[in-house]
Structures are given as structure tokens and as C-alpha cells.
Amino acid sequence: MLTDLEFIRYSRQLMLPGFGEAAQLKLKQTKVLLIGCGGLGNAASQYLVSSGIGQLTLVDGDKVELSNLQRQVLFRDSDRGFNKAQIAARQLKQLNPYVQIKAVEQHFSADNAATLLANTDWVLDCTDNFKSRKLINQLCQHHQISLISAAAIAQQGQLVLWPFAHNQSPCYSCLFPDLTDQSGNCSSLGVLAPLPGIIGSMQAMLLIQQIIHPDHQAKFWQFEGIGFRLSAYDMPAQSCHCRVEKTD
């Protein structure tokens, strides 16, 4: 049930057609694992928390650096040298005390994946390198946990819905078979400050939509900052040849 204060806090979305208390309760009951507290994670986490997601676990082993502050808006100059997940959790708890927020001051890996993925409804991949994205995708596919993955570099962004909990879908290696970390990242190619905020906000928006009105079709979106264009593509379920079946 929602408290009286929660009704007031979420009143602007509760009044939306097709939303209401039932939808808000779905958000409140959802547990999300967010991996990567950089630019994408900063934006996605703020809107998930402000919207009333039930539980959010933040995973990041990096520390705040001066070059992060241009786009990672949860952090302040005084946060430099401190763990990103810890600082983000502290800020987000002030944003909404009704959300359970946990910080994991480690990088996501094959060693801690089983623990982190346990009792998780959704995963948001907000990392910034191919190796991490591929690992997260493989393990979510293996454990049959739906995933929303995103990337932002230069003036271009990508967003992918992987409905692993409901449907066979192509995996990351199917979609990007030749992509490697040598293809570049923010450190080597740069990124316009608002771009991670735009794509991270889209991650949060997509997740909320999927919680309330599930769509089990794998999809891919490409955003071009120059010209402000968004293209969407469906990915057929049968196209994946890399799927690993869930094991007990």
C-alpha cells in the first residue's frame, strides 16, 4: 500500500491515464540492479528513485575524478577520491527516503554476479566499456533476468532492451559481433555533457514503461545528437545463436 505522503509525492504521475495506484505499487515492488555510476547511471538512478522504484542497488568500484564532473551530475568537487556508488547512494537517499538504496563498492564480475543478481527483477547496464557490457549481457541471459543496456559516446547514444526473463532474444555479441574496447570510449573520443543524461533518462523511462506495460520484444534505439534523431529497430527472437540456457 502507498502511504498518504507517498500519494502526495507521486501525485503527478498517479493522475496519468493508465497509471494510478496499481502502477505505482508495481514500481514500489520492483528491485533494480544498476551497474555503473557514471553519466548514464547518474541520470537513470535519479529518475528511478524520484519515480518511486522499490529497491535500487548501485554497483561501481571507481572513485570520483575531476574529469567526471562535466557530466556526472550527482557528484560535487568535494566528492573527488570517494567511491562513486557510495556517493551516489548518499545523494539519492536524500532525494527519496522511501526507496531502499544500497551501494556496492566493487566492479561487477563473474565472481560476484550470482550474489548481485539474486532477487533482482531488472538490470540496468550503465557501464562504459565493451568488456563489461558483454559480461553483464551474458550473465543476465544465463540467469534469465531482463536487461536494459545503454551507451553514450561523443554525440551518439544507444539503448537496447533485452527481455531475457520472458523471451529468447539476440545477445550483445549477436548485435555487435566485431565491437571491442579498441573501438573507443569517453576517455578516448570524448562526450558532450548532456548526452549521458539524455540516454540515462531514456533508460529510466524505458524501465518504468516495461514494469507497467511489459513488451517482450527485444529492441534497439540509436540516438544521433547531431540533428537530434532517434531510430528504433526490432530484433527477432530467433536471431540469437549464443544463448546459454539457465542452470540451477
C-alpha atoms as a PDB file:
ATOM      1  CA  MET A   1       0.000   0.000   0.000  1.00  0.00           C
ATOM      2  CA  LEU A   2       1.002   3.623  -0.516  1.00  0.00           C
ATOM      3  CA  THR A   3       1.202   5.958   2.451  1.00  0.00           C
ATOM      4  CA  ASP A   4      -0.506   9.357   2.451  1.00  0.00           C
ATOM      5  CA  LEU A   5       2.861  11.037   1.930  1.00  0.00           C
ATOM      6  CA  GLU A   6       3.640   8.748  -0.990  1.00  0.00           C
ATOM      7  CA  PHE A   7       0.339   9.686  -2.612  1.00  0.00           C
ATOM      8  CA  ILE A   8       1.375  13.336  -2.391  1.00  0.00           C
ATOM      9  CA  ARG A   9       4.949  12.695  -3.543  1.00  0.00           C
ATOM     10  CA  TYR A  10       3.882  10.735  -6.641  1.00  0.00           C
ATOM     11  CA  SER A  11       0.658  12.645  -7.310  1.00  0.00           C
ATOM     12  CA  ARG A  12       1.730  13.990 -10.716  1.00  0.00           C
ATOM     13  CA  GLN A  13       2.268  10.523 -12.150  1.00  0.00           C
ATOM     14  CA  LEU A  14      -0.614   8.921 -10.252  1.00  0.00           C
ATOM     15  CA  MET A  15      -3.012  11.196 -12.163  1.00  0.00           C
ATOM     16  CA  LEU A  16      -1.756   9.976 -15.546  1.00  0.00           C
ATOM     17  CA  PRO A  17      -4.233   7.902 -17.611  1.00  0.00           C
ATOM     18  CA  GLY A  18      -3.328   4.228 -17.346  1.00  0.00           C
ATOM     19  CA  PHE A  19      -1.026   4.773 -14.375  1.00  0.00           C
ATOM     20  CA  GLY A  20      -2.702   5.174 -10.973  1.00  0.00           C
ATOM     21  CA  GLU A  21      -2.017   3.424  -7.680  1.00  0.00           C
ATOM     22  CA  ALA A  22      -1.678  -0.046  -9.218  1.00  0.00           C
ATOM     23  CA  ALA A  23       1.191   1.102 -11.439  1.00  0.00           C
ATOM     24  CA  GLN A  24       2.871   2.948  -8.576  1.00  0.00           C
ATOM     25  CA  LEU A  25       2.721  -0.210  -6.471  1.00  0.00           C
ATOM     26  CA  LYS A  26       4.389  -2.154  -9.304  1.00  0.00           C
ATOM     27  CA  LEU A  27       7.275   0.316  -9.198  1.00  0.00           C
ATOM     28  CA  LYS A  28       7.435   0.070  -5.412  1.00  0.00           C
ATOM     29  CA  GLN A  29       7.705  -3.713  -5.600  1.00  0.00           C
ATOM     30  CA  THR A  30      10.478  -3.751  -8.230  1.00  0.00           C
ATOM     31  CA  LYS A  31      14.148  -4.431  -7.411  1.00  0.00           C
ATOM     32  CA  VAL A  32      16.714  -2.973  -9.798  1.00  0.00           C
ATOM     33  CA  LEU A  33      20.446  -3.602 -10.086  1.00  0.00           C
ATOM     34  CA  LEU A  34      22.205  -0.622 -11.683  1.00  0.00           C
ATOM     35  CA  ILE A  35      25.770  -1.316 -12.804  1.00  0.00           C
ATOM     36  CA  GLY A  36      27.966   1.718 -13.378  1.00  0.00           C
ATOM     37  CA  CYS A  37      27.510   5.038 -11.581  1.00  0.00           C
ATOM     38  CA  GLY A  38      28.943   7.296 -14.269  1.00  0.00           C
ATOM     39  CA  GLY A  39      26.998   9.650 -16.536  1.00  0.00           C
ATOM     40  CA  LEU A  40      24.349   7.122 -17.560  1.00  0.00           C
ATOM     41  CA  GLY A  41      23.937   5.778 -14.044  1.00  0.00           C
ATOM     42  CA  ASN A  42      23.727   9.263 -12.545  1.00  0.00           C
ATOM     43  CA  ALA A  43      20.741  10.161 -14.727  1.00  0.00           C
ATOM     44  CA  ALA A  44      18.948   6.800 -14.664  1.00  0.00           C
ATOM     45  CA  SER A  45      19.246   6.403 -10.894  1.00  0.00           C
ATOM     46  CA  GLN A  46      17.852   9.859 -10.120  1.00  0.00           C
ATOM     47  CA  TYR A  47      14.687   9.330 -12.156  1.00  0.00           C
ATOM     48  CA  LEU A  48      14.145   5.792 -10.919  1.00  0.00           C
ATOM     49  CA  VAL A  49      14.451   6.959  -7.320  1.00  0.00           C
ATOM     50  CA  SER A  50      12.289  10.042  -7.795  1.00  0.00           C
ATOM     51  CA  SER A  51       9.657   7.923  -9.582  1.00  0.00           C
ATOM     52  CA  GLY A  52       9.421   5.536  -6.630  1.00  0.00           C
ATOM     53  CA  ILE A  53      11.249   2.352  -7.616  1.00  0.00           C
ATOM     54  CA  GLY A  54      11.212  -0.021  -4.652  1.00  0.00           C
ATOM     55  CA  GLN A  55      14.843  -1.058  -4.319  1.00  0.00           C
ATOM     56  CA  LEU A  56      17.957   0.137  -6.138  1.00  0.00           C
ATOM     57  CA  THR A  57      21.397  -1.461  -5.799  1.00  0.00           C
ATOM     58  CA  LEU A  58      24.265   0.614  -7.202  1.00  0.00           C
ATOM     59  CA  VAL A  59      27.428  -1.184  -8.299  1.00  0.00           C
ATOM     60  CA  ASP A  60      30.686   0.625  -9.088  1.00  0.00           C
ATOM     61  CA  GLY A  61      34.270   0.181  -7.965  1.00  0.00           C
ATOM     62  CA  ASP A  62      35.570   3.501  -9.328  1.00  0.00           C
ATOM     63  CA  LYS A  63      36.249   6.740  -7.476  1.00  0.00           C
ATOM     64  CA  VAL A  64      35.068  10.204  -8.477  1.00  0.00           C
ATOM     65  CA  GLU A  65      37.634  12.067 -10.599  1.00  0.00           C
ATOM     66  CA  LEU A  66      37.785  15.680 -11.730  1.00  0.00           C
ATOM     67  CA  SER A  67      37.053  14.768 -15.371  1.00  0.00           C
ATOM     68  CA  ASN A  68      33.805  13.027 -14.289  1.00  0.00           C
ATOM     69  CA  LEU A  69      32.194  16.227 -13.026  1.00  0.00           C
ATOM     70  CA  GLN A  70      31.439  17.569 -16.524  1.00  0.00           C
ATOM     71  CA  ARG A  71      28.599  15.033 -16.958  1.00  0.00           C
ATOM     72  CA  GLN A  72      28.160  13.032 -13.723  1.00  0.00           C
ATOM     73  CA  VAL A  73      25.846  15.477 -12.024  1.00  0.00           C
ATOM     74  CA  LEU A  74      25.270  13.605  -8.753  1.00  0.00           C
ATOM     75  CA  PHE A  75      28.861  14.365  -7.752  1.00  0.00           C
ATOM     76  CA  ARG A  76      30.487  17.512  -6.407  1.00  0.00           C
ATOM     77  CA  ASP A  77      34.080  18.693  -6.399  1.00  0.00           C
ATOM     78  CA  SER A  78      34.356  17.683  -2.744  1.00  0.00           C
ATOM     79  CA  ASP A  79      33.462  14.079  -3.679  1.00  0.00           C
ATOM     80  CA  ARG A  80      36.697  13.508  -5.596  1.00  0.00           C
ATOM     81  CA  GLY A  81      38.553  10.446  -4.368  1.00  0.00           C
ATOM     82  CA  PHE A  82      35.460   8.769  -2.901  1.00  0.00           C
ATOM     83  CA  ASN A  83      33.674   5.727  -4.305  1.00  0.00           C
ATOM     84  CA  LYS A  84      31.006   6.568  -6.901  1.00  0.00           C
ATOM     85  CA  ALA A  85      28.388   4.077  -5.688  1.00  0.00           C
ATOM     86  CA  GLN A  86      28.743   5.298  -2.106  1.00  0.00           C
ATOM     87  CA  ILE A  87      28.407   8.978  -3.020  1.00  0.00           C
ATOM     88  CA  ALA A  88      25.515   8.331  -5.419  1.00  0.00           C
ATOM     89  CA  ALA A  89      23.650   6.322  -2.778  1.00  0.00           C
ATOM     90  CA  ARG A  90      24.082   9.117  -0.245  1.00  0.00           C
ATOM     91  CA  GLN A  91      22.697  11.713  -2.659  1.00  0.00           C
ATOM     92  CA  LEU A  92      19.809   9.525  -3.789  1.00  0.00           C
ATOM     93  CA  LYS A  93      18.693   8.758  -0.238  1.00  0.00           C
ATOM     94  CA  GLN A  94      18.181  12.496   0.226  1.00  0.00           C
ATOM     95  CA  LEU A  95      16.122  12.586  -2.974  1.00  0.00           C
ATOM     96  CA  ASN A  96      13.607   9.953  -1.836  1.00  0.00           C
ATOM     97  CA  PRO A  97      13.691   8.284   1.620  1.00  0.00           C
ATOM     98  CA  TYR A  98      11.000   5.774   0.579  1.00  0.00           C
ATOM     99  CA  VAL A  99      13.378   3.901  -1.745  1.00  0.00           C
ATOM    100  CA  GLN A 100      15.739   1.224  -0.434  1.00  0.00           C
ATOM    101  CA  ILE A 101      19.189   2.101  -1.790  1.00  0.00           C
ATOM    102  CA  LYS A 102      22.333   0.011  -1.422  1.00  0.00           C
ATOM    103  CA  ALA A 103      25.875   0.771  -2.590  1.00  0.00           C
ATOM    104  CA  VAL A 104      28.256  -1.990  -3.669  1.00  0.00           C
ATOM    105  CA  GLU A 105      31.782  -0.594  -3.874  1.00  0.00           C
ATOM    106  CA  GLN A 106      33.016  -3.190  -6.341  1.00  0.00           C
ATOM    107  CA  HIS A 107      33.092  -3.749 -10.062  1.00  0.00           C
ATOM    108  CA  PHE A 108      30.557  -6.233 -11.410  1.00  0.00           C
ATOM    109  CA  SER A 109      32.329  -9.511 -12.209  1.00  0.00           C
ATOM    110  CA  ALA A 110      31.745 -13.215 -12.773  1.00  0.00           C
ATOM    111  CA  ASP A 111      32.764 -13.756  -9.144  1.00  0.00           C
ATOM    112  CA  ASN A 112      30.117 -11.536  -7.545  1.00  0.00           C
ATOM    113  CA  ALA A 113      27.414 -11.830 -10.235  1.00  0.00           C
ATOM    114  CA  ALA A 114      25.402 -14.616  -8.607  1.00  0.00           C
ATOM    115  CA  THR A 115      25.115 -12.653  -5.358  1.00  0.00           C
ATOM    116  CA  LEU A 116      24.278  -9.364  -7.064  1.00  0.00           C
ATOM    117  CA  LEU A 117      21.728 -10.870  -9.442  1.00  0.00           C
ATOM    118  CA  ALA A 118      19.900 -12.812  -6.721  1.00  0.00           C
ATOM    119  CA  ASN A 119      16.378 -11.451  -6.105  1.00  0.00           C
ATOM    120  CA  THR A 120      16.817  -8.854  -8.860  1.00  0.00           C
ATOM    121  CA  ASP A 121      13.932  -8.066 -11.212  1.00  0.00           C
ATOM    122  CA  TRP A 122      15.776  -5.848 -13.697  1.00  0.00           C
ATOM    123  CA  VAL A 123      19.355  -4.892 -14.529  1.00  0.00           C
ATOM    124  CA  LEU A 124      20.450  -1.562 -15.986  1.00  0.00           C
ATOM    125  CA  ASP A 125      23.850  -1.644 -17.672  1.00  0.00           C
ATOM    126  CA  CYS A 126      25.286   1.855 -17.369  1.00  0.00           C
ATOM    127  CA  THR A 127      28.934   0.880 -17.894  1.00  0.00           C
ATOM    128  CA  ASP A 128      31.267   2.458 -20.426  1.00  0.00           C
ATOM    129  CA  ASN A 129      33.243  -0.391 -21.981  1.00  0.00           C
ATOM    130  CA  PHE A 130      32.614  -3.361 -24.258  1.00  0.00           C
ATOM    131  CA  LYS A 131      34.076  -5.987 -21.916  1.00  0.00           C
ATOM    132  CA  SER A 132      31.681  -5.086 -19.072  1.00  0.00           C
ATOM    133  CA  ARG A 133      28.643  -4.825 -21.348  1.00  0.00           C
ATOM    134  CA  LYS A 134      29.321  -8.229 -22.857  1.00  0.00           C
ATOM    135  CA  LEU A 135      29.797  -9.871 -19.438  1.00  0.00           C
ATOM    136  CA  ILE A 136      26.635  -8.293 -17.997  1.00  0.00           C
ATOM    137  CA  ASN A 137      24.662  -9.356 -21.057  1.00  0.00           C
ATOM    138  CA  GLN A 138      25.914 -12.946 -20.901  1.00  0.00           C
ATOM    139  CA  LEU A 139      25.151 -13.324 -17.201  1.00  0.00           C
ATOM    140  CA  CYS A 140      21.704 -11.727 -17.414  1.00  0.00           C
ATOM    141  CA  GLN A 141      20.928 -14.049 -20.302  1.00  0.00           C
ATOM    142  CA  HIS A 142      22.209 -17.027 -18.304  1.00  0.00           C
ATOM    143  CA  HIS A 143      20.134 -16.136 -15.217  1.00  0.00           C
ATOM    144  CA  GLN A 144      17.150 -15.049 -17.355  1.00  0.00           C
ATOM    145  CA  ILE A 145      16.960 -11.523 -15.946  1.00  0.00           C
ATOM    146  CA  SER A 146      15.761  -8.763 -18.277  1.00  0.00           C
ATOM    147  CA  LEU A 147      18.307  -6.066 -19.064  1.00  0.00           C
ATOM    148  CA  ILE A 148      18.348  -2.526 -20.410  1.00  0.00           C
ATOM    149  CA  SER A 149      21.771  -1.631 -21.759  1.00  0.00           C
ATOM    150  CA  ALA A 150      22.933   1.812 -22.868  1.00  0.00           C
ATOM    151  CA  ALA A 151      25.968   3.576 -24.252  1.00  0.00           C
ATOM    152  CA  ALA A 152      26.854   7.229 -24.819  1.00  0.00           C
ATOM    153  CA  ILE A 153      29.910   8.493 -26.635  1.00  0.00           C
ATOM    154  CA  ALA A 154      30.780  11.710 -28.469  1.00  0.00           C
ATOM    155  CA  GLN A 155      27.301  12.848 -29.642  1.00  0.00           C
ATOM    156  CA  GLN A 156      25.775   9.427 -30.202  1.00  0.00           C
ATOM    157  CA  GLY A 157      23.817   7.144 -27.877  1.00  0.00           C
ATOM    158  CA  GLN A 158      22.419   3.628 -27.950  1.00  0.00           C
ATOM    159  CA  LEU A 159      19.717   1.886 -25.927  1.00  0.00           C
ATOM    160  CA  VAL A 160      18.870  -1.825 -26.013  1.00  0.00           C
ATOM    161  CA  LEU A 161      16.046  -3.789 -24.392  1.00  0.00           C
ATOM    162  CA  TRP A 162      16.936  -7.439 -23.745  1.00  0.00           C
ATOM    163  CA  PRO A 163      13.811  -9.264 -22.394  1.00  0.00           C
ATOM    164  CA  PHE A 164      15.725 -12.307 -21.161  1.00  0.00           C
ATOM    165  CA  ALA A 165      13.185 -13.064 -18.396  1.00  0.00           C
ATOM    166  CA  HIS A 166      10.386 -13.578 -20.915  1.00  0.00           C
ATOM    167  CA  ASN A 167      11.767 -14.343 -24.321  1.00  0.00           C
ATOM    168  CA  GLN A 168      14.739 -15.610 -26.255  1.00  0.00           C
ATOM    169  CA  SER A 169      16.437 -12.652 -27.823  1.00  0.00           C
ATOM    170  CA  PRO A 170      19.711 -11.852 -29.550  1.00  0.00           C
ATOM    171  CA  CYS A 171      22.642 -11.306 -27.217  1.00  0.00           C
ATOM    172  CA  TYR A 172      25.208  -8.492 -27.202  1.00  0.00           C
ATOM    173  CA  SER A 173      27.676 -10.447 -29.335  1.00  0.00           C
ATOM    174  CA  CYS A 174      24.963 -11.027 -31.950  1.00  0.00           C
ATOM    175  CA  LEU A 175      24.223  -7.308 -32.185  1.00  0.00           C
ATOM    176  CA  PHE A 176      27.865  -6.139 -32.057  1.00  0.00           C
ATOM    177  CA  PRO A 177      29.989  -9.124 -33.175  1.00  0.00           C
ATOM    178  CA  ASP A 178      33.088  -7.084 -34.052  1.00  0.00           C
ATOM    179  CA  LEU A 179      32.997  -4.423 -31.341  1.00  0.00           C
ATOM    180  CA  THR A 180      35.956  -4.248 -28.943  1.00  0.00           C
ATOM    181  CA  ASP A 181      37.231  -1.760 -26.379  1.00  0.00           C
ATOM    182  CA  GLN A 182      39.600  -0.534 -29.086  1.00  0.00           C
ATOM    183  CA  SER A 183      36.513   0.969 -30.757  1.00  0.00           C
ATOM    184  CA  GLY A 184      36.772   3.853 -28.295  1.00  0.00           C
ATOM    185  CA  ASN A 185      35.099   5.265 -25.210  1.00  0.00           C
ATOM    186  CA  CYS A 186      34.563   8.616 -23.481  1.00  0.00           C
ATOM    187  CA  SER A 187      38.200   8.785 -22.409  1.00  0.00           C
ATOM    188  CA  SER A 188      39.468   8.485 -25.982  1.00  0.00           C
ATOM    189  CA  LEU A 189      36.662  10.051 -28.057  1.00  0.00           C
ATOM    190  CA  GLY A 190      35.021  12.456 -25.603  1.00  0.00           C
ATOM    191  CA  VAL A 191      31.338  13.021 -24.856  1.00  0.00           C
ATOM    192  CA  LEU A 192      29.069  16.082 -24.868  1.00  0.00           C
ATOM    193  CA  ALA A 193      27.918  16.737 -21.294  1.00  0.00           C
ATOM    194  CA  PRO A 194      24.111  16.380 -21.749  1.00  0.00           C
ATOM    195  CA  LEU A 195      24.311  13.160 -23.803  1.00  0.00           C
ATOM    196  CA  PRO A 196      24.673  10.642 -20.924  1.00  0.00           C
ATOM    197  CA  GLY A 197      21.847  12.466 -19.161  1.00  0.00           C
ATOM    198  CA  ILE A 198      19.586  12.059 -22.191  1.00  0.00           C
ATOM    199  CA  ILE A 199      20.373   8.366 -22.679  1.00  0.00           C
ATOM    200  CA  GLY A 200      20.315   7.572 -18.946  1.00  0.00           C
ATOM    201  CA  SER A 201      16.924   9.257 -18.636  1.00  0.00           C
ATOM    202  CA  MET A 202      15.719   7.148 -21.557  1.00  0.00           C
ATOM    203  CA  GLN A 203      16.891   4.039 -19.692  1.00  0.00           C
ATOM    204  CA  ALA A 204      14.798   5.022 -16.676  1.00  0.00           C
ATOM    205  CA  MET A 205      11.782   5.869 -18.866  1.00  0.00           C
ATOM    206  CA  LEU A 206      12.026   2.557 -20.715  1.00  0.00           C
ATOM    207  CA  LEU A 207      12.320   0.568 -17.493  1.00  0.00           C
ATOM    208  CA  ILE A 208       9.276   2.258 -15.953  1.00  0.00           C
ATOM    209  CA  GLN A 209       7.282   1.548 -19.119  1.00  0.00           C
ATOM    210  CA  GLN A 210       8.378  -2.097 -19.092  1.00  0.00           C
ATOM    211  CA  ILE A 211       7.385  -2.532 -15.440  1.00  0.00           C
ATOM    212  CA  ILE A 212       3.922  -1.097 -16.028  1.00  0.00           C
ATOM    213  CA  HIS A 213       3.241  -2.280 -19.603  1.00  0.00           C
ATOM    214  CA  PRO A 214       5.663  -5.136 -20.432  1.00  0.00           C
ATOM    215  CA  ASP A 215       6.759  -5.626 -24.028  1.00  0.00           C
ATOM    216  CA  HIS A 216       8.704  -8.842 -24.579  1.00  0.00           C
ATOM    217  CA  GLN A 217      10.198  -7.770 -27.910  1.00  0.00           C
ATOM    218  CA  ALA A 218      13.943  -7.108 -27.968  1.00  0.00           C
ATOM    219  CA  LYS A 219      14.556  -3.614 -29.333  1.00  0.00           C
ATOM    220  CA  PHE A 220      17.422  -1.308 -30.258  1.00  0.00           C
ATOM    221  CA  TRP A 221      17.420   2.502 -30.377  1.00  0.00           C
ATOM    222  CA  GLN A 222      20.079   4.727 -31.930  1.00  0.00           C
ATOM    223  CA  PHE A 223      20.223   8.404 -30.947  1.00  0.00           C
ATOM    224  CA  GLU A 224      22.125  10.971 -33.011  1.00  0.00           C
ATOM    225  CA  GLY A 225      22.817  14.159 -31.062  1.00  0.00           C
ATOM    226  CA  ILE A 226      23.744  15.999 -34.255  1.00  0.00           C
ATOM    227  CA  GLY A 227      20.373  16.546 -35.891  1.00  0.00           C
ATOM    228  CA  PHE A 228      18.589  15.136 -32.828  1.00  0.00           C
ATOM    229  CA  ARG A 229      17.373  11.940 -34.491  1.00  0.00           C
ATOM    230  CA  LEU A 230      16.129   8.758 -32.817  1.00  0.00           C
ATOM    231  CA  SER A 231      15.823   5.490 -34.781  1.00  0.00           C
ATOM    232  CA  ALA A 232      14.216   2.290 -33.445  1.00  0.00           C
ATOM    233  CA  TYR A 233      14.661  -1.324 -34.578  1.00  0.00           C
ATOM    234  CA  ASP A 234      13.021  -4.609 -33.530  1.00  0.00           C
ATOM    235  CA  MET A 235      15.310  -7.612 -33.052  1.00  0.00           C
ATOM    236  CA  PRO A 236      13.736 -11.017 -33.836  1.00  0.00           C
ATOM    237  CA  ALA A 237      13.953 -13.598 -31.042  1.00  0.00           C
ATOM    238  CA  GLN A 238      15.235 -16.389 -33.274  1.00  0.00           C
ATOM    239  CA  SER A 239      18.327 -14.472 -34.407  1.00  0.00           C
ATOM    240  CA  CYS A 240      20.494 -15.415 -31.393  1.00  0.00           C
ATOM    241  CA  HIS A 241      22.809 -18.418 -31.694  1.00  0.00           C
ATOM    242  CA  CYS A 242      24.755 -17.705 -28.489  1.00  0.00           C
ATOM    243  CA  ARG A 243      22.078 -18.254 -25.860  1.00  0.00           C
ATOM    244  CA  VAL A 244      23.154 -20.086 -22.705  1.00  0.00           C
ATOM    245  CA  GLU A 245      20.342 -21.991 -21.032  1.00  0.00           C
ATOM    246  CA  LYS A 246      19.594 -21.284 -17.389  1.00  0.00           C
ATOM    247  CA  THR A 247      21.048 -23.799 -14.970  1.00  0.00           C
ATOM    248  CA  ASP A 248      20.097 -24.444 -11.330  1.00  0.00           C
END
